[in-house]
Amino acid sequence: MTAFPAPEDGAFVLIVHDVEDYGRWKQVFDDAAAIRREAGEIEYRLLASESDERRVVHFSRWTSLPAARAFFESPELVEIRRIAGVHAPEFLYLNALEAGVL
């Protein structure tokens, strides 16, 4: 995966959610790659909480926040999350301000 681009190059979404089983969730996530790409997801990172491996963070760059919001709030995605065993997702739709490397 390449480094995230300069701030002016996109909109970002941060999702924090608990999953019943990471392996099952990851399979559903991977199977949805084509529809995520078609909806406007450009790249992503997956992270896990240090204290709870079932707490997963999906951080991604999108073509636009409206595209991301339409995708994540669609009935299709609500059903995909249910099948994947996702509980209580928290979505943050973010506009970039600044980026740097230290």
N, C-alpha and C. Protein backbone atom coordinates (compact mmCIF):
# COMPACT_ATOMS: atom_id res chain seq x y z
N MET A 1 0.85 -1.17 0.00
CA MET A 1 0.00 0.00 0.00
C MET A 1 0.90 1.24 0.00
N THR A 2 0.50 2.25 -0.74
CA THR A 2 1.28 3.48 -0.81
C THR A 2 0.94 4.39 0.36
N ALA A 3 1.78 5.38 0.56
CA ALA A 3 1.53 6.37 1.62
C ALA A 3 0.33 7.21 1.25
N PHE A 4 -0.39 7.67 2.28
CA PHE A 4 -1.51 8.56 2.01
C PHE A 4 -0.99 9.84 1.38
N PRO A 5 -1.76 10.42 0.48
CA PRO A 5 -1.34 11.61 -0.26
C PRO A 5 -1.45 12.89 0.56
N ALA A 6 -1.09 13.98 -0.08
CA ALA A 6 -1.20 15.29 0.54
C ALA A 6 -2.66 15.58 0.89
N PRO A 7 -2.91 16.43 1.88
CA PRO A 7 -4.27 16.69 2.36
C PRO A 7 -5.25 17.13 1.29
N GLU A 8 -4.80 17.86 0.31
CA GLU A 8 -5.73 18.35 -0.69
C GLU A 8 -6.23 17.25 -1.62
N ASP A 9 -5.72 16.04 -1.45
CA ASP A 9 -6.03 14.95 -2.37
C ASP A 9 -7.15 14.03 -1.92
N GLY A 10 -8.02 14.47 -1.05
CA GLY A 10 -9.13 13.58 -0.76
C GLY A 10 -9.85 13.79 0.54
N ALA A 11 -10.89 13.00 0.67
CA ALA A 11 -11.72 12.95 1.85
C ALA A 11 -11.45 11.62 2.54
N PHE A 12 -11.65 11.59 3.85
CA PHE A 12 -11.30 10.40 4.62
C PHE A 12 -12.48 9.97 5.48
N VAL A 13 -12.52 8.67 5.77
CA VAL A 13 -13.52 8.12 6.66
C VAL A 13 -12.79 7.25 7.68
N LEU A 14 -13.15 7.43 8.93
CA LEU A 14 -12.62 6.61 10.02
C LEU A 14 -13.80 5.87 10.63
N ILE A 15 -13.71 4.54 10.63
CA ILE A 15 -14.78 3.72 11.20
C ILE A 15 -14.18 2.88 12.31
N VAL A 16 -14.80 2.95 13.47
CA VAL A 16 -14.40 2.10 14.60
C VAL A 16 -15.59 1.19 14.88
N HIS A 17 -15.32 -0.11 14.86
CA HIS A 17 -16.40 -1.06 15.12
C HIS A 17 -15.88 -2.32 15.78
N ASP A 18 -16.78 -2.94 16.52
CA ASP A 18 -16.49 -4.23 17.13
C ASP A 18 -17.00 -5.31 16.19
N VAL A 19 -16.20 -6.36 16.02
CA VAL A 19 -16.59 -7.46 15.15
C VAL A 19 -16.65 -8.75 15.99
N GLU A 20 -17.59 -9.61 15.65
CA GLU A 20 -17.71 -10.87 16.38
C GLU A 20 -16.50 -11.76 16.15
N ASP A 21 -16.06 -11.84 14.90
CA ASP A 21 -14.96 -12.71 14.53
C ASP A 21 -14.17 -12.03 13.42
N TYR A 22 -12.90 -11.71 13.68
CA TYR A 22 -12.12 -10.96 12.70
C TYR A 22 -12.00 -11.71 11.37
N GLY A 23 -11.75 -13.00 11.41
CA GLY A 23 -11.61 -13.77 10.17
C GLY A 23 -12.84 -13.70 9.30
N ARG A 24 -14.01 -13.85 9.90
CA ARG A 24 -15.27 -13.76 9.15
C ARG A 24 -15.45 -12.35 8.61
N TRP A 25 -15.22 -11.35 9.48
CA TRP A 25 -15.36 -9.95 9.05
C TRP A 25 -14.41 -9.65 7.89
N LYS A 26 -13.16 -10.10 7.98
CA LYS A 26 -12.16 -9.80 6.95
C LYS A 26 -12.54 -10.42 5.61
N GLN A 27 -13.12 -11.61 5.63
CA GLN A 27 -13.55 -12.24 4.38
C GLN A 27 -14.64 -11.41 3.71
N VAL A 28 -15.61 -10.94 4.49
CA VAL A 28 -16.67 -10.10 3.94
C VAL A 28 -16.08 -8.79 3.44
N PHE A 29 -15.16 -8.21 4.19
CA PHE A 29 -14.48 -6.97 3.80
C PHE A 29 -13.76 -7.15 2.46
N ASP A 30 -13.00 -8.23 2.33
CA ASP A 30 -12.27 -8.50 1.09
C ASP A 30 -13.22 -8.75 -0.07
N ASP A 31 -14.31 -9.47 0.18
CA ASP A 31 -15.29 -9.75 -0.87
C ASP A 31 -15.97 -8.48 -1.37
N ALA A 32 -16.00 -7.45 -0.54
CA ALA A 32 -16.66 -6.19 -0.91
C ALA A 32 -15.69 -5.19 -1.56
N ALA A 33 -14.47 -5.59 -1.85
CA ALA A 33 -13.48 -4.67 -2.41
C ALA A 33 -13.96 -4.01 -3.70
N ALA A 34 -14.55 -4.76 -4.58
CA ALA A 34 -15.00 -4.20 -5.86
C ALA A 34 -16.09 -3.16 -5.66
N ILE A 35 -17.04 -3.43 -4.78
CA ILE A 35 -18.11 -2.44 -4.59
C ILE A 35 -17.59 -1.22 -3.85
N ARG A 36 -16.60 -1.40 -2.96
CA ARG A 36 -16.00 -0.24 -2.29
C ARG A 36 -15.28 0.64 -3.33
N ARG A 37 -14.52 0.01 -4.20
CA ARG A 37 -13.80 0.76 -5.25
C ARG A 37 -14.78 1.50 -6.16
N GLU A 38 -15.84 0.80 -6.60
CA GLU A 38 -16.84 1.43 -7.47
C GLU A 38 -17.53 2.60 -6.79
N ALA A 39 -17.68 2.53 -5.47
CA ALA A 39 -18.35 3.59 -4.72
C ALA A 39 -17.45 4.80 -4.49
N GLY A 40 -16.12 4.61 -4.66
CA GLY A 40 -15.22 5.75 -4.51
C GLY A 40 -14.11 5.59 -3.49
N GLU A 41 -13.98 4.41 -2.87
CA GLU A 41 -12.87 4.22 -1.95
C GLU A 41 -11.59 4.09 -2.77
N ILE A 42 -10.57 4.83 -2.38
CA ILE A 42 -9.30 4.86 -3.10
C ILE A 42 -8.27 3.97 -2.43
N GLU A 43 -8.18 4.06 -1.13
CA GLU A 43 -7.24 3.23 -0.38
C GLU A 43 -7.70 3.14 1.06
N TYR A 44 -7.15 2.16 1.78
CA TYR A 44 -7.58 1.94 3.16
C TYR A 44 -6.43 1.42 4.00
N ARG A 45 -6.66 1.49 5.29
CA ARG A 45 -5.79 0.86 6.29
C ARG A 45 -6.71 0.22 7.32
N LEU A 46 -6.31 -0.94 7.80
CA LEU A 46 -7.02 -1.61 8.88
C LEU A 46 -6.12 -1.63 10.09
N LEU A 47 -6.70 -1.33 11.24
CA LEU A 47 -5.96 -1.34 12.50
C LEU A 47 -6.80 -2.05 13.55
N ALA A 48 -6.13 -2.59 14.55
CA ALA A 48 -6.83 -3.25 15.65
C ALA A 48 -6.43 -2.59 16.96
N SER A 49 -7.37 -2.54 17.86
CA SER A 49 -7.10 -1.99 19.17
C SER A 49 -6.07 -2.86 19.89
N GLU A 50 -5.15 -2.21 20.57
CA GLU A 50 -4.13 -2.92 21.33
C GLU A 50 -4.76 -3.77 22.43
N SER A 51 -5.84 -3.28 23.02
CA SER A 51 -6.44 -3.96 24.16
C SER A 51 -7.59 -4.90 23.80
N ASP A 52 -8.09 -4.82 22.56
CA ASP A 52 -9.21 -5.67 22.16
C ASP A 52 -9.12 -5.92 20.66
N GLU A 53 -8.66 -7.10 20.28
CA GLU A 53 -8.44 -7.41 18.87
C GLU A 53 -9.73 -7.43 18.05
N ARG A 54 -10.87 -7.48 18.72
CA ARG A 54 -12.14 -7.45 17.99
C ARG A 54 -12.61 -6.03 17.71
N ARG A 55 -11.91 -5.03 18.23
CA ARG A 55 -12.21 -3.63 17.91
C ARG A 55 -11.34 -3.25 16.73
N VAL A 56 -11.97 -3.08 15.58
CA VAL A 56 -11.28 -2.85 14.32
C VAL A 56 -11.51 -1.42 13.86
N VAL A 57 -10.46 -0.81 13.34
CA VAL A 57 -10.53 0.53 12.76
C VAL A 57 -10.27 0.41 11.26
N HIS A 58 -11.16 0.96 10.48
CA HIS A 58 -11.03 1.01 9.02
C HIS A 58 -10.87 2.49 8.67
N PHE A 59 -9.68 2.85 8.21
CA PHE A 59 -9.38 4.24 7.84
C PHE A 59 -9.17 4.26 6.34
N SER A 60 -9.93 5.11 5.63
CA SER A 60 -9.86 5.07 4.17
C SER A 60 -9.96 6.46 3.55
N ARG A 61 -9.42 6.53 2.34
CA ARG A 61 -9.50 7.75 1.53
C ARG A 61 -10.51 7.52 0.44
N TRP A 62 -11.32 8.53 0.18
CA TRP A 62 -12.43 8.44 -0.78
C TRP A 62 -12.36 9.58 -1.79
N THR A 63 -13.06 9.39 -2.88
CA THR A 63 -13.13 10.44 -3.90
C THR A 63 -13.86 11.67 -3.37
N SER A 64 -14.84 11.45 -2.48
CA SER A 64 -15.57 12.56 -1.86
C SER A 64 -16.30 12.04 -0.62
N LEU A 65 -16.60 12.96 0.29
CA LEU A 65 -17.38 12.57 1.46
C LEU A 65 -18.82 12.19 1.10
N PRO A 66 -19.47 12.89 0.17
CA PRO A 66 -20.81 12.44 -0.21
C PRO A 66 -20.83 11.01 -0.77
N ALA A 67 -19.81 10.65 -1.54
CA ALA A 67 -19.74 9.28 -2.07
C ALA A 67 -19.58 8.28 -0.93
N ALA A 68 -18.72 8.59 0.01
CA ALA A 68 -18.49 7.69 1.14
C ALA A 68 -19.75 7.55 1.99
N ARG A 69 -20.38 8.67 2.28
CA ARG A 69 -21.59 8.65 3.11
C ARG A 69 -22.70 7.84 2.42
N ALA A 70 -22.89 8.06 1.14
CA ALA A 70 -23.92 7.32 0.40
C ALA A 70 -23.65 5.82 0.45
N PHE A 71 -22.39 5.44 0.33
CA PHE A 71 -22.03 4.03 0.37
C PHE A 71 -22.27 3.44 1.75
N PHE A 72 -21.71 4.05 2.78
CA PHE A 72 -21.79 3.47 4.11
C PHE A 72 -23.20 3.50 4.70
N GLU A 73 -24.04 4.41 4.24
CA GLU A 73 -25.39 4.51 4.77
C GLU A 73 -26.42 3.79 3.90
N SER A 74 -25.96 3.10 2.87
CA SER A 74 -26.87 2.39 1.98
C SER A 74 -27.43 1.14 2.66
N PRO A 75 -28.65 0.74 2.30
CA PRO A 75 -29.22 -0.50 2.86
C PRO A 75 -28.33 -1.71 2.58
N GLU A 76 -27.70 -1.74 1.43
CA GLU A 76 -26.79 -2.86 1.08
C GLU A 76 -25.67 -2.99 2.11
N LEU A 77 -25.09 -1.85 2.50
CA LEU A 77 -23.98 -1.91 3.47
C LEU A 77 -24.47 -2.23 4.87
N VAL A 78 -25.65 -1.80 5.23
CA VAL A 78 -26.21 -2.17 6.53
C VAL A 78 -26.33 -3.69 6.60
N GLU A 79 -26.79 -4.32 5.53
CA GLU A 79 -26.92 -5.77 5.49
C GLU A 79 -25.56 -6.45 5.48
N ILE A 80 -24.60 -5.92 4.75
CA ILE A 80 -23.25 -6.49 4.73
C ILE A 80 -22.64 -6.44 6.13
N ARG A 81 -22.83 -5.33 6.84
CA ARG A 81 -22.30 -5.24 8.21
C ARG A 81 -22.95 -6.28 9.12
N ARG A 82 -24.24 -6.50 8.95
CA ARG A 82 -24.93 -7.51 9.76
C ARG A 82 -24.35 -8.89 9.49
N ILE A 83 -24.18 -9.24 8.23
CA ILE A 83 -23.61 -10.54 7.85
C ILE A 83 -22.19 -10.69 8.39
N ALA A 84 -21.44 -9.59 8.38
CA ALA A 84 -20.04 -9.63 8.82
C ALA A 84 -19.89 -9.66 10.35
N GLY A 85 -20.98 -9.49 11.07
CA GLY A 85 -20.91 -9.53 12.53
C GLY A 85 -20.38 -8.25 13.14
N VAL A 86 -20.74 -7.12 12.54
CA VAL A 86 -20.30 -5.82 13.04
C VAL A 86 -21.29 -5.30 14.06
N HIS A 87 -20.75 -4.77 15.16
CA HIS A 87 -21.59 -4.17 16.21
C HIS A 87 -21.19 -2.72 16.42
N ALA A 88 -22.18 -1.86 16.52
CA ALA A 88 -22.04 -0.47 16.91
C ALA A 88 -20.93 0.30 16.17
N PRO A 89 -21.02 0.35 14.83
CA PRO A 89 -19.99 1.11 14.13
C PRO A 89 -20.11 2.61 14.39
N GLU A 90 -18.97 3.26 14.50
CA GLU A 90 -18.93 4.72 14.64
C GLU A 90 -18.21 5.27 13.42
N PHE A 91 -18.87 6.16 12.70
CA PHE A 91 -18.33 6.72 11.47
C PHE A 91 -17.92 8.17 11.70
N LEU A 92 -16.74 8.52 11.26
CA LEU A 92 -16.30 9.91 11.24
C LEU A 92 -15.93 10.24 9.80
N TYR A 93 -16.62 11.21 9.22
CA TYR A 93 -16.35 11.67 7.86
C TYR A 93 -15.45 12.90 8.00
N LEU A 94 -14.27 12.83 7.42
CA LEU A 94 -13.21 13.80 7.72
C LEU A 94 -12.69 14.51 6.48
N ASN A 95 -12.48 15.81 6.60
CA ASN A 95 -11.77 16.59 5.60
C ASN A 95 -10.35 16.80 6.09
N ALA A 96 -9.39 16.58 5.23
CA ALA A 96 -7.99 16.71 5.60
C ALA A 96 -7.63 18.18 5.85
N LEU A 97 -6.80 18.39 6.85
CA LEU A 97 -6.28 19.72 7.14
C LEU A 97 -4.80 19.82 6.82
N GLU A 98 -4.07 18.81 7.23
CA GLU A 98 -2.61 18.88 7.10
C GLU A 98 -2.05 17.47 7.21
N ALA A 99 -0.92 17.25 6.59
CA ALA A 99 -0.22 15.97 6.71
C ALA A 99 1.28 16.26 6.80
N GLY A 100 1.99 15.35 7.40
CA GLY A 100 3.43 15.55 7.51
C GLY A 100 4.13 14.24 7.84
N VAL A 101 5.41 14.26 7.68
CA VAL A 101 6.24 13.11 8.04
C VAL A 101 7.35 13.64 8.92
N LEU A 102 7.58 13.00 10.05
CA LEU A 102 8.60 13.43 10.99
C LEU A 102 9.75 12.45 11.02
